[in-house]
Amino acid sequence: TRPYTVAVVQGNVPRLGLDFNAQREAVLRNHVRATLALAADARAGRVARPDLVLWPENASDIDPMRNPDAYALIDGAAKAVGVPILVGTLADGPDPATTIRNIADVWDPRTAPGQTYAKQHPVPFAEYIPFRSIARLVSKDVDLVERDFVPGDRPGNLTVGPARIGDVICFEVAYDNLIDDVAHDSEMLVVQTNNA
């Protein structure tokens, strides 16, 4: 119904490879640093002030609800930029010792975390290990996935600042039904993916 100015933050990782989880704090700090630079540029008039900011999946693989340092970093970035950030992060699953959720969290500069979307279609052999005891007979590497991601149970329709977005996470973009579920009640579609 109206245009929005959307800032997409690409924080990057310190080094290439599949061990991005070992670099969690550095990845989070990179996204915070890039958002603080965006805020400074917007205040100085070098870029338009965004209506909302998007971070990718896994921008914070440190659960900010369990880690006060991660909470403070994300909250500081949101306050600095002055608009909500859609943060790709993690949250404990029903059994925190064995399960986890891949989520998008709307982080408002005034009210902190709020609405969330939990990925509904985790990827087998990447985010969870089906038949773990059997898979372990084929490769011990299955235990690199220490906790199984469990699916969310509702579509990713979220309000991020002035915009009503339909969010899907990473490979969910391949499932038409998940896109259909969010498309009818959103002004823009967002696909957060682990390309941090």
N, C-alpha and C. Protein backbone atom coordinates (compact mmCIF):
# COMPACT_ATOMS: atom_id res chain seq x y z
N THR A 1 0.81 -1.21 0.00
CA THR A 1 0.00 0.00 0.00
C THR A 1 0.85 1.26 0.00
N ARG A 2 2.09 1.14 0.45
CA ARG A 2 3.00 2.27 0.38
C ARG A 2 4.42 1.72 0.34
N PRO A 3 5.37 2.50 -0.15
CA PRO A 3 6.75 2.00 -0.18
C PRO A 3 7.37 2.01 1.22
N TYR A 4 8.28 1.09 1.45
CA TYR A 4 9.05 1.04 2.69
C TYR A 4 10.53 1.08 2.34
N THR A 5 11.29 1.69 3.20
CA THR A 5 12.74 1.64 3.08
C THR A 5 13.22 0.52 3.99
N VAL A 6 13.81 -0.49 3.37
CA VAL A 6 14.24 -1.69 4.09
C VAL A 6 15.76 -1.77 4.04
N ALA A 7 16.38 -1.90 5.20
CA ALA A 7 17.83 -2.10 5.26
C ALA A 7 18.09 -3.59 5.47
N VAL A 8 18.91 -4.15 4.62
CA VAL A 8 19.29 -5.56 4.74
C VAL A 8 20.73 -5.60 5.20
N VAL A 9 20.96 -6.15 6.39
CA VAL A 9 22.31 -6.18 6.96
C VAL A 9 22.95 -7.52 6.67
N GLN A 10 24.14 -7.48 6.11
CA GLN A 10 24.93 -8.68 5.82
C GLN A 10 26.19 -8.59 6.66
N GLY A 11 26.20 -9.26 7.79
CA GLY A 11 27.29 -9.12 8.74
C GLY A 11 28.55 -9.90 8.40
N ASN A 12 28.40 -10.97 7.65
CA ASN A 12 29.50 -11.84 7.26
C ASN A 12 30.08 -12.62 8.43
N VAL A 13 30.96 -13.55 8.09
CA VAL A 13 31.63 -14.38 9.09
C VAL A 13 33.13 -14.12 9.00
N PRO A 14 33.85 -14.35 10.09
CA PRO A 14 35.28 -14.06 10.08
C PRO A 14 36.07 -14.90 9.08
N ARG A 15 35.64 -16.15 8.86
CA ARG A 15 36.35 -17.01 7.91
C ARG A 15 35.34 -17.94 7.26
N LEU A 16 35.67 -18.41 6.07
CA LEU A 16 34.80 -19.30 5.33
C LEU A 16 34.77 -20.68 5.96
N GLY A 17 33.74 -21.43 5.63
CA GLY A 17 33.67 -22.81 6.07
C GLY A 17 32.34 -23.13 6.72
N LEU A 18 32.17 -24.39 7.02
CA LEU A 18 30.92 -24.86 7.61
C LEU A 18 30.92 -24.77 9.13
N ASP A 19 31.99 -24.24 9.71
CA ASP A 19 32.06 -24.16 11.17
C ASP A 19 31.56 -22.81 11.68
N PHE A 20 30.57 -22.23 10.97
CA PHE A 20 30.07 -20.92 11.38
C PHE A 20 29.56 -20.93 12.81
N ASN A 21 29.06 -22.07 13.29
CA ASN A 21 28.57 -22.12 14.67
C ASN A 21 29.68 -21.90 15.67
N ALA A 22 30.92 -22.23 15.31
CA ALA A 22 32.04 -21.99 16.20
C ALA A 22 32.37 -20.50 16.27
N GLN A 23 31.80 -19.73 15.37
CA GLN A 23 32.10 -18.30 15.27
C GLN A 23 30.91 -17.45 15.72
N ARG A 24 30.05 -18.02 16.54
CA ARG A 24 28.78 -17.37 16.88
C ARG A 24 28.92 -15.93 17.35
N GLU A 25 29.76 -15.70 18.33
CA GLU A 25 29.86 -14.35 18.87
C GLU A 25 30.37 -13.38 17.83
N ALA A 26 31.36 -13.78 17.04
CA ALA A 26 31.90 -12.91 16.00
C ALA A 26 30.83 -12.58 14.96
N VAL A 27 30.02 -13.57 14.58
CA VAL A 27 28.96 -13.33 13.60
C VAL A 27 27.94 -12.33 14.15
N LEU A 28 27.52 -12.52 15.40
CA LEU A 28 26.58 -11.59 16.01
C LEU A 28 27.18 -10.19 16.06
N ARG A 29 28.41 -10.09 16.53
CA ARG A 29 29.05 -8.76 16.63
C ARG A 29 29.19 -8.10 15.25
N ASN A 30 29.43 -8.89 14.21
CA ASN A 30 29.50 -8.32 12.85
C ASN A 30 28.17 -7.71 12.44
N HIS A 31 27.07 -8.38 12.76
CA HIS A 31 25.75 -7.84 12.42
C HIS A 31 25.44 -6.59 13.23
N VAL A 32 25.82 -6.61 14.49
CA VAL A 32 25.61 -5.43 15.34
C VAL A 32 26.45 -4.27 14.80
N ARG A 33 27.71 -4.53 14.51
CA ARG A 33 28.61 -3.48 14.00
C ARG A 33 28.06 -2.87 12.70
N ALA A 34 27.59 -3.71 11.79
CA ALA A 34 27.04 -3.21 10.53
C ALA A 34 25.77 -2.38 10.76
N THR A 35 24.97 -2.79 11.75
CA THR A 35 23.74 -2.05 12.05
C THR A 35 24.08 -0.70 12.71
N LEU A 36 25.08 -0.68 13.56
CA LEU A 36 25.51 0.59 14.16
C LEU A 36 26.05 1.54 13.09
N ALA A 37 26.77 1.00 12.11
CA ALA A 37 27.27 1.84 11.00
C ALA A 37 26.10 2.37 10.18
N LEU A 38 25.10 1.52 9.94
CA LEU A 38 23.89 1.96 9.24
C LEU A 38 23.21 3.09 10.01
N ALA A 39 23.09 2.95 11.32
CA ALA A 39 22.45 3.98 12.15
C ALA A 39 23.21 5.30 12.05
N ALA A 40 24.53 5.23 12.10
CA ALA A 40 25.35 6.45 11.99
C ALA A 40 25.18 7.09 10.62
N ASP A 41 25.16 6.27 9.57
CA ASP A 41 24.96 6.80 8.22
C ASP A 41 23.59 7.44 8.06
N ALA A 42 22.56 6.84 8.66
CA ALA A 42 21.20 7.41 8.58
C ALA A 42 21.13 8.73 9.33
N ARG A 43 21.74 8.79 10.51
CA ARG A 43 21.74 10.05 11.28
C ARG A 43 22.48 11.15 10.52
N ALA A 44 23.53 10.80 9.81
CA ALA A 44 24.32 11.79 9.07
C ALA A 44 23.70 12.13 7.72
N GLY A 45 22.63 11.44 7.35
CA GLY A 45 21.97 11.72 6.08
C GLY A 45 22.65 11.08 4.87
N ARG A 46 23.60 10.18 5.10
CA ARG A 46 24.28 9.52 3.99
C ARG A 46 23.41 8.43 3.35
N VAL A 47 22.48 7.88 4.12
CA VAL A 47 21.51 6.91 3.61
C VAL A 47 20.15 7.27 4.18
N ALA A 48 19.12 6.80 3.52
CA ALA A 48 17.76 7.04 4.02
C ALA A 48 17.56 6.27 5.32
N ARG A 49 16.82 6.85 6.23
CA ARG A 49 16.49 6.15 7.46
C ARG A 49 15.54 5.01 7.11
N PRO A 50 15.89 3.80 7.50
CA PRO A 50 15.01 2.68 7.15
C PRO A 50 13.75 2.65 8.00
N ASP A 51 12.73 1.99 7.47
CA ASP A 51 11.52 1.71 8.24
C ASP A 51 11.67 0.42 9.04
N LEU A 52 12.52 -0.47 8.55
CA LEU A 52 12.80 -1.72 9.23
C LEU A 52 14.14 -2.26 8.75
N VAL A 53 14.71 -3.14 9.57
CA VAL A 53 16.01 -3.74 9.27
C VAL A 53 15.85 -5.25 9.28
N LEU A 54 16.47 -5.91 8.30
CA LEU A 54 16.42 -7.37 8.22
C LEU A 54 17.81 -7.95 8.43
N TRP A 55 17.90 -8.88 9.36
CA TRP A 55 19.11 -9.67 9.55
C TRP A 55 18.82 -11.07 9.03
N PRO A 56 19.84 -11.81 8.61
CA PRO A 56 19.60 -13.16 8.07
C PRO A 56 19.37 -14.20 9.16
N GLU A 57 18.97 -15.36 8.71
CA GLU A 57 18.94 -16.54 9.56
C GLU A 57 20.34 -16.69 10.17
N ASN A 58 20.40 -17.10 11.41
CA ASN A 58 21.66 -17.34 12.11
C ASN A 58 22.49 -16.09 12.34
N ALA A 59 21.91 -14.91 12.25
CA ALA A 59 22.67 -13.71 12.59
C ALA A 59 23.12 -13.77 14.04
N SER A 60 22.28 -14.36 14.89
CA SER A 60 22.68 -14.61 16.28
C SER A 60 22.38 -16.07 16.62
N ASP A 61 23.40 -16.89 16.54
CA ASP A 61 23.24 -18.27 16.98
C ASP A 61 23.48 -18.39 18.48
N ILE A 62 23.44 -17.26 19.14
CA ILE A 62 23.45 -17.21 20.60
C ILE A 62 22.04 -16.76 21.00
N ASP A 63 21.33 -17.58 21.74
CA ASP A 63 19.95 -17.27 22.13
C ASP A 63 19.95 -16.05 23.05
N PRO A 64 19.42 -14.91 22.58
CA PRO A 64 19.44 -13.70 23.40
C PRO A 64 18.54 -13.79 24.64
N MET A 65 17.61 -14.72 24.64
CA MET A 65 16.76 -14.88 25.82
C MET A 65 17.50 -15.62 26.95
N ARG A 66 18.56 -16.31 26.59
CA ARG A 66 19.35 -17.05 27.59
C ARG A 66 20.71 -16.41 27.85
N ASN A 67 21.13 -15.51 26.97
CA ASN A 67 22.45 -14.92 27.09
C ASN A 67 22.31 -13.40 27.20
N PRO A 68 22.55 -12.82 28.37
CA PRO A 68 22.36 -11.38 28.55
C PRO A 68 23.28 -10.53 27.67
N ASP A 69 24.47 -11.03 27.34
CA ASP A 69 25.37 -10.26 26.47
C ASP A 69 24.79 -10.15 25.06
N ALA A 70 24.27 -11.26 24.54
CA ALA A 70 23.66 -11.23 23.21
C ALA A 70 22.43 -10.33 23.23
N TYR A 71 21.62 -10.42 24.27
CA TYR A 71 20.45 -9.56 24.41
C TYR A 71 20.87 -8.09 24.34
N ALA A 72 21.90 -7.73 25.11
CA ALA A 72 22.34 -6.33 25.17
C ALA A 72 22.87 -5.86 23.82
N LEU A 73 23.61 -6.72 23.12
CA LEU A 73 24.13 -6.34 21.81
C LEU A 73 23.01 -6.07 20.81
N ILE A 74 22.04 -6.98 20.74
CA ILE A 74 20.93 -6.81 19.79
C ILE A 74 20.08 -5.61 20.18
N ASP A 75 19.80 -5.46 21.47
CA ASP A 75 18.99 -4.34 21.94
C ASP A 75 19.69 -3.01 21.64
N GLY A 76 21.00 -2.97 21.83
CA GLY A 76 21.75 -1.74 21.53
C GLY A 76 21.70 -1.39 20.06
N ALA A 77 21.78 -2.41 19.20
CA ALA A 77 21.70 -2.16 17.76
C ALA A 77 20.32 -1.62 17.38
N ALA A 78 19.26 -2.21 17.95
CA ALA A 78 17.90 -1.76 17.65
C ALA A 78 17.68 -0.33 18.14
N LYS A 79 18.16 -0.03 19.33
CA LYS A 79 18.01 1.33 19.86
C LYS A 79 18.79 2.34 19.00
N ALA A 80 19.98 1.95 18.55
CA ALA A 80 20.79 2.87 17.74
C ALA A 80 20.15 3.18 16.41
N VAL A 81 19.60 2.16 15.74
CA VAL A 81 19.00 2.38 14.43
C VAL A 81 17.59 2.95 14.56
N GLY A 82 16.96 2.73 15.72
CA GLY A 82 15.67 3.36 16.02
C GLY A 82 14.46 2.74 15.35
N VAL A 83 14.62 1.59 14.71
CA VAL A 83 13.50 0.90 14.06
C VAL A 83 13.64 -0.59 14.37
N PRO A 84 12.56 -1.35 14.20
CA PRO A 84 12.63 -2.78 14.49
C PRO A 84 13.59 -3.53 13.56
N ILE A 85 14.20 -4.55 14.14
CA ILE A 85 15.08 -5.46 13.39
C ILE A 85 14.43 -6.84 13.42
N LEU A 86 14.37 -7.49 12.26
CA LEU A 86 13.97 -8.89 12.23
C LEU A 86 15.25 -9.69 12.38
N VAL A 87 15.40 -10.34 13.53
CA VAL A 87 16.65 -11.02 13.91
C VAL A 87 16.50 -12.52 13.69
N GLY A 88 17.39 -13.09 12.90
CA GLY A 88 17.46 -14.55 12.78
C GLY A 88 18.25 -15.10 13.95
N THR A 89 17.60 -15.90 14.79
CA THR A 89 18.26 -16.39 15.99
C THR A 89 17.75 -17.78 16.35
N LEU A 90 18.04 -18.21 17.54
CA LEU A 90 17.66 -19.53 18.03
C LEU A 90 16.89 -19.40 19.33
N ALA A 91 16.10 -20.43 19.63
CA ALA A 91 15.40 -20.51 20.91
C ALA A 91 15.30 -21.98 21.30
N ASP A 92 15.29 -22.23 22.57
CA ASP A 92 15.16 -23.61 23.03
C ASP A 92 13.85 -24.22 22.54
N GLY A 93 13.90 -25.52 22.27
CA GLY A 93 12.71 -26.28 21.94
C GLY A 93 12.05 -26.80 23.20
N PRO A 94 11.05 -27.67 23.06
CA PRO A 94 10.33 -28.19 24.22
C PRO A 94 11.22 -28.90 25.23
N ASP A 95 12.25 -29.59 24.76
CA ASP A 95 13.23 -30.20 25.66
C ASP A 95 14.57 -29.51 25.38
N PRO A 96 14.93 -28.51 26.18
CA PRO A 96 16.12 -27.71 25.89
C PRO A 96 17.42 -28.52 25.78
N ALA A 97 17.47 -29.66 26.39
CA ALA A 97 18.69 -30.47 26.32
C ALA A 97 18.86 -31.12 24.96
N THR A 98 17.75 -31.37 24.25
CA THR A 98 17.85 -32.10 22.99
C THR A 98 17.23 -31.39 21.79
N THR A 99 16.46 -30.33 22.02
CA THR A 99 15.77 -29.67 20.90
C THR A 99 16.01 -28.16 20.91
N ILE A 100 15.84 -27.59 19.74
CA ILE A 100 16.06 -26.17 19.54
C ILE A 100 15.14 -25.71 18.41
N ARG A 101 14.90 -24.41 18.31
CA ARG A 101 14.09 -23.85 17.23
C ARG A 101 14.90 -22.79 16.47
N ASN A 102 14.68 -22.73 15.18
CA ASN A 102 15.25 -21.73 14.31
C ASN A 102 14.18 -20.65 14.18
N ILE A 103 14.44 -19.46 14.69
CA ILE A 103 13.38 -18.45 14.75
C ILE A 103 13.79 -17.11 14.14
N ALA A 104 12.77 -16.35 13.83
CA ALA A 104 12.90 -14.95 13.49
C ALA A 104 12.22 -14.18 14.62
N ASP A 105 12.92 -13.22 15.16
CA ASP A 105 12.41 -12.45 16.30
C ASP A 105 12.32 -10.98 15.91
N VAL A 106 11.16 -10.37 16.09
CA VAL A 106 11.00 -8.94 15.83
C VAL A 106 11.52 -8.20 17.06
N TRP A 107 12.61 -7.45 16.88
CA TRP A 107 13.25 -6.74 17.99
C TRP A 107 12.97 -5.26 17.85
N ASP A 108 12.09 -4.75 18.68
CA ASP A 108 11.68 -3.35 18.63
C ASP A 108 12.61 -2.51 19.50
N PRO A 109 12.97 -1.30 19.06
CA PRO A 109 13.89 -0.48 19.87
C PRO A 109 13.29 -0.02 21.20
N ARG A 110 11.97 -0.03 21.32
CA ARG A 110 11.33 0.40 22.57
C ARG A 110 10.91 -0.77 23.45
N THR A 111 10.41 -1.82 22.83
CA THR A 111 9.84 -2.91 23.63
C THR A 111 10.68 -4.18 23.60
N ALA A 112 11.83 -4.14 22.92
CA ALA A 112 12.74 -5.29 22.80
C ALA A 112 12.07 -6.43 22.05
N PRO A 113 12.40 -7.70 22.37
CA PRO A 113 11.85 -8.78 21.54
C PRO A 113 10.35 -8.91 21.69
N GLY A 114 9.73 -9.33 20.60
CA GLY A 114 8.27 -9.46 20.62
C GLY A 114 7.82 -10.65 19.82
N GLN A 115 7.18 -10.38 18.69
CA GLN A 115 6.66 -11.46 17.85
C GLN A 115 7.79 -12.35 17.35
N THR A 116 7.49 -13.64 17.24
CA THR A 116 8.48 -14.56 16.69
C THR A 116 7.81 -15.48 15.67
N TYR A 117 8.66 -15.98 14.79
CA TYR A 117 8.26 -17.03 13.87
C TYR A 117 9.27 -18.16 14.00
N ALA A 118 8.80 -19.38 14.20
CA ALA A 118 9.68 -20.54 14.26
C ALA A 118 9.57 -21.30 12.95
N LYS A 119 10.71 -21.58 12.36
CA LYS A 119 10.77 -22.30 11.09
C LYS A 119 9.92 -23.56 11.18
N GLN A 120 9.03 -23.74 10.20
CA GLN A 120 8.09 -24.87 10.22
C GLN A 120 8.63 -26.12 9.54
N HIS A 121 9.66 -25.96 8.72
CA HIS A 121 10.15 -27.11 7.96
C HIS A 121 11.68 -27.22 8.10
N PRO A 122 12.16 -27.69 9.27
CA PRO A 122 13.61 -27.87 9.41
C PRO A 122 14.14 -28.88 8.39
N VAL A 123 15.40 -28.72 8.04
CA VAL A 123 16.02 -29.53 6.99
C VAL A 123 16.60 -30.81 7.60
N PRO A 124 16.16 -31.98 7.10
CA PRO A 124 16.71 -33.24 7.62
C PRO A 124 18.21 -33.37 7.30
N PHE A 125 18.94 -33.94 8.22
CA PHE A 125 20.39 -34.16 8.12
C PHE A 125 21.19 -32.87 8.13
N ALA A 126 20.55 -31.75 8.39
CA ALA A 126 21.25 -30.49 8.55
C ALA A 126 20.80 -29.82 9.85
N GLU A 127 19.47 -29.76 10.04
CA GLU A 127 18.94 -29.15 11.26
C GLU A 127 18.39 -30.19 12.24
N TYR A 128 18.14 -31.36 11.76
CA TYR A 128 17.78 -32.47 12.64
C TYR A 128 18.21 -33.77 11.97
N ILE A 129 18.42 -34.76 12.79
CA ILE A 129 18.88 -36.05 12.27
C ILE A 129 17.76 -37.07 12.46
N PRO A 130 17.10 -37.44 11.35
CA PRO A 130 16.10 -38.50 11.48
C PRO A 130 16.79 -39.85 11.72
N PHE A 131 16.16 -40.67 12.52
CA PHE A 131 16.70 -42.00 12.82
C PHE A 131 18.18 -41.90 13.22
N ARG A 132 18.44 -41.05 14.19
CA ARG A 132 19.82 -40.73 14.60
C ARG A 132 20.65 -41.98 14.87
N SER A 133 20.10 -42.95 15.59
CA SER A 133 20.90 -44.13 15.94
C SER A 133 21.30 -44.93 14.70
N ILE A 134 20.43 -44.96 13.70
CA ILE A 134 20.77 -45.64 12.45
C ILE A 134 21.74 -44.80 11.63
N ALA A 135 21.48 -43.49 11.55
CA ALA A 135 22.36 -42.60 10.79
C ALA A 135 23.78 -42.62 11.36
N ARG A 136 23.91 -42.77 12.66
CA ARG A 136 25.22 -42.81 13.29
C ARG A 136 26.03 -44.01 12.82
N LEU A 137 25.37 -45.09 12.42
CA LEU A 137 26.08 -46.25 11.89
C LEU A 137 26.73 -45.94 10.54
N VAL A 138 26.15 -44.98 9.82
CA VAL A 138 26.68 -44.59 8.52
C VAL A 138 27.78 -43.54 8.67
N SER A 139 27.58 -42.60 9.59
CA SER A 139 28.56 -41.53 9.79
C SER A 139 28.48 -41.00 11.22
N LYS A 140 29.62 -40.89 11.85
CA LYS A 140 29.66 -40.30 13.20
C LYS A 140 29.40 -38.79 13.14
N ASP A 141 29.51 -38.21 11.96
CA ASP A 141 29.31 -36.77 11.81
C ASP A 141 27.88 -36.33 12.10
N VAL A 142 26.93 -37.26 12.18
CA VAL A 142 25.56 -36.85 12.51
C VAL A 142 25.52 -36.16 13.86
N ASP A 143 26.45 -36.47 14.73
CA ASP A 143 26.44 -35.85 16.05
C ASP A 143 26.99 -34.43 16.06
N LEU A 144 27.41 -33.94 14.88
CA LEU A 144 27.72 -32.51 14.78
C LEU A 144 26.45 -31.69 14.97
N VAL A 145 25.32 -32.27 14.64
CA VAL A 145 24.02 -31.65 14.94
C VAL A 145 23.66 -32.13 16.35
N GLU A 146 24.04 -31.32 17.35
CA GLU A 146 23.93 -31.75 18.74
C GLU A 146 22.48 -31.80 19.24
N ARG A 147 21.69 -30.83 18.80
CA ARG A 147 20.28 -30.79 19.20
C ARG A 147 19.44 -30.74 17.93
N ASP A 148 18.33 -31.45 17.93
CA ASP A 148 17.46 -31.46 16.76
C ASP A 148 16.56 -30.22 16.75
N PHE A 149 16.50 -29.57 15.59
CA PHE A 149 15.57 -28.47 15.42
C PHE A 149 14.16 -29.05 15.33
N VAL A 150 13.24 -28.41 16.02
CA VAL A 150 11.84 -28.83 15.97
C VAL A 150 11.04 -27.75 15.25
N PRO A 151 9.98 -28.15 14.55
CA PRO A 151 9.24 -27.17 13.74
C PRO A 151 8.31 -26.29 14.56
N GLY A 152 8.10 -25.09 14.03
CA GLY A 152 7.06 -24.23 14.56
C GLY A 152 5.72 -24.68 14.02
N ASP A 153 4.65 -24.06 14.51
CA ASP A 153 3.32 -24.54 14.14
C ASP A 153 2.41 -23.46 13.57
N ARG A 154 2.99 -22.29 13.19
CA ARG A 154 2.14 -21.26 12.60
C ARG A 154 2.92 -20.47 11.55
N PRO A 155 2.22 -19.87 10.60
CA PRO A 155 2.87 -19.12 9.53
C PRO A 155 3.65 -17.91 10.07
N GLY A 156 4.59 -17.44 9.26
CA GLY A 156 5.45 -16.33 9.65
C GLY A 156 4.91 -14.97 9.29
N ASN A 157 3.68 -14.68 9.65
CA ASN A 157 3.13 -13.34 9.44
C ASN A 157 3.48 -12.48 10.65
N LEU A 158 4.30 -11.47 10.42
CA LEU A 158 4.82 -10.64 11.50
C LEU A 158 4.67 -9.17 11.13
N THR A 159 4.50 -8.34 12.14
CA THR A 159 4.52 -6.89 11.95
C THR A 159 5.88 -6.39 12.37
N VAL A 160 6.61 -5.82 11.41
CA VAL A 160 7.95 -5.29 11.68
C VAL A 160 7.89 -3.80 11.38
N GLY A 161 7.80 -2.99 12.41
CA GLY A 161 7.60 -1.56 12.21
C GLY A 161 6.27 -1.33 11.53
N PRO A 162 6.27 -0.57 10.43
CA PRO A 162 5.00 -0.28 9.76
C PRO A 162 4.55 -1.38 8.80
N ALA A 163 5.41 -2.36 8.57
CA ALA A 163 5.15 -3.34 7.51
C ALA A 163 4.63 -4.66 8.06
N ARG A 164 3.71 -5.23 7.34
CA ARG A 164 3.23 -6.59 7.61
C ARG A 164 3.99 -7.50 6.67
N ILE A 165 4.87 -8.34 7.23
CA ILE A 165 5.70 -9.19 6.38
C ILE A 165 5.27 -10.65 6.49
N GLY A 166 5.59 -11.39 5.44
CA GLY A 166 5.45 -12.83 5.45
C GLY A 166 6.85 -13.41 5.43
N ASP A 167 7.25 -14.06 6.51
CA ASP A 167 8.61 -14.56 6.64
C ASP A 167 8.65 -16.07 6.48
N VAL A 168 9.61 -16.54 5.70
CA VAL A 168 9.98 -17.95 5.67
C VAL A 168 11.49 -17.99 5.85
N ILE A 169 11.98 -19.11 6.35
CA ILE A 169 13.40 -19.20 6.67
C ILE A 169 14.07 -20.22 5.75
N CYS A 170 15.02 -19.72 4.99
CA CYS A 170 15.93 -20.51 4.17
C CYS A 170 15.19 -21.44 3.20
N PHE A 171 15.39 -22.76 3.33
CA PHE A 171 14.85 -23.70 2.36
C PHE A 171 13.32 -23.75 2.35
N GLU A 172 12.67 -23.09 3.30
CA GLU A 172 11.21 -23.06 3.28
C GLU A 172 10.68 -22.39 2.01
N VAL A 173 11.52 -21.59 1.36
CA VAL A 173 11.10 -20.94 0.13
C VAL A 173 10.76 -21.96 -0.95
N ALA A 174 11.23 -23.19 -0.80
CA ALA A 174 10.95 -24.24 -1.79
C ALA A 174 9.57 -24.87 -1.62
N TYR A 175 8.87 -24.53 -0.56
CA TYR A 175 7.57 -25.14 -0.27
C TYR A 175 6.46 -24.14 -0.55
N ASP A 176 5.76 -24.35 -1.65
CA ASP A 176 4.71 -23.41 -2.06
C ASP A 176 3.67 -23.20 -0.98
N ASN A 177 3.32 -24.25 -0.24
CA ASN A 177 2.28 -24.09 0.76
C ASN A 177 2.70 -23.13 1.86
N LEU A 178 3.99 -23.11 2.22
CA LEU A 178 4.45 -22.17 3.26
C LEU A 178 4.42 -20.74 2.75
N ILE A 179 4.75 -20.54 1.48
CA ILE A 179 4.66 -19.21 0.88
C ILE A 179 3.19 -18.78 0.81
N ASP A 180 2.32 -19.67 0.35
CA ASP A 180 0.89 -19.36 0.28
C ASP A 180 0.34 -18.98 1.65
N ASP A 181 0.79 -19.67 2.70
CA ASP A 181 0.29 -19.40 4.05
C ASP A 181 0.57 -17.97 4.49
N VAL A 182 1.69 -17.38 4.06
CA VAL A 182 2.03 -16.03 4.50
C VAL A 182 1.68 -14.95 3.48
N ALA A 183 1.55 -15.33 2.21
CA ALA A 183 1.38 -14.33 1.16
C ALA A 183 0.09 -13.55 1.28
N HIS A 184 -0.99 -14.21 1.69
CA HIS A 184 -2.30 -13.53 1.71
C HIS A 184 -2.39 -12.46 2.78
N ASP A 185 -1.54 -12.50 3.78
CA ASP A 185 -1.65 -11.56 4.91
C ASP A 185 -0.36 -10.76 5.08
N SER A 186 0.30 -10.42 3.95
CA SER A 186 1.54 -9.68 4.08
C SER A 186 1.68 -8.67 2.94
N GLU A 187 2.48 -7.65 3.22
CA GLU A 187 2.78 -6.63 2.21
C GLU A 187 4.08 -6.95 1.48
N MET A 188 4.94 -7.71 2.12
CA MET A 188 6.18 -8.12 1.47
C MET A 188 6.58 -9.49 2.00
N LEU A 189 7.27 -10.24 1.14
CA LEU A 189 7.78 -11.54 1.55
C LEU A 189 9.26 -11.42 1.88
N VAL A 190 9.66 -12.08 2.95
CA VAL A 190 11.05 -12.07 3.40
C VAL A 190 11.51 -13.51 3.50
N VAL A 191 12.67 -13.79 2.94
CA VAL A 191 13.28 -15.12 3.06
C VAL A 191 14.63 -14.93 3.75
N GLN A 192 14.67 -15.25 5.03
CA GLN A 192 15.92 -15.16 5.78
C GLN A 192 16.70 -16.44 5.53
N THR A 193 17.96 -16.30 5.15
CA THR A 193 18.75 -17.48 4.88
C THR A 193 20.13 -17.36 5.51
N ASN A 194 20.76 -18.49 5.74
CA ASN A 194 22.04 -18.53 6.42
C ASN A 194 23.17 -18.23 5.45
N ASN A 195 23.23 -16.99 5.03
CA ASN A 195 24.33 -16.54 4.20
C ASN A 195 25.11 -15.44 4.90
N ALA A 196 25.08 -15.51 6.24
CA ALA A 196 25.76 -14.48 7.02
C ALA A 196 27.25 -14.50 6.77
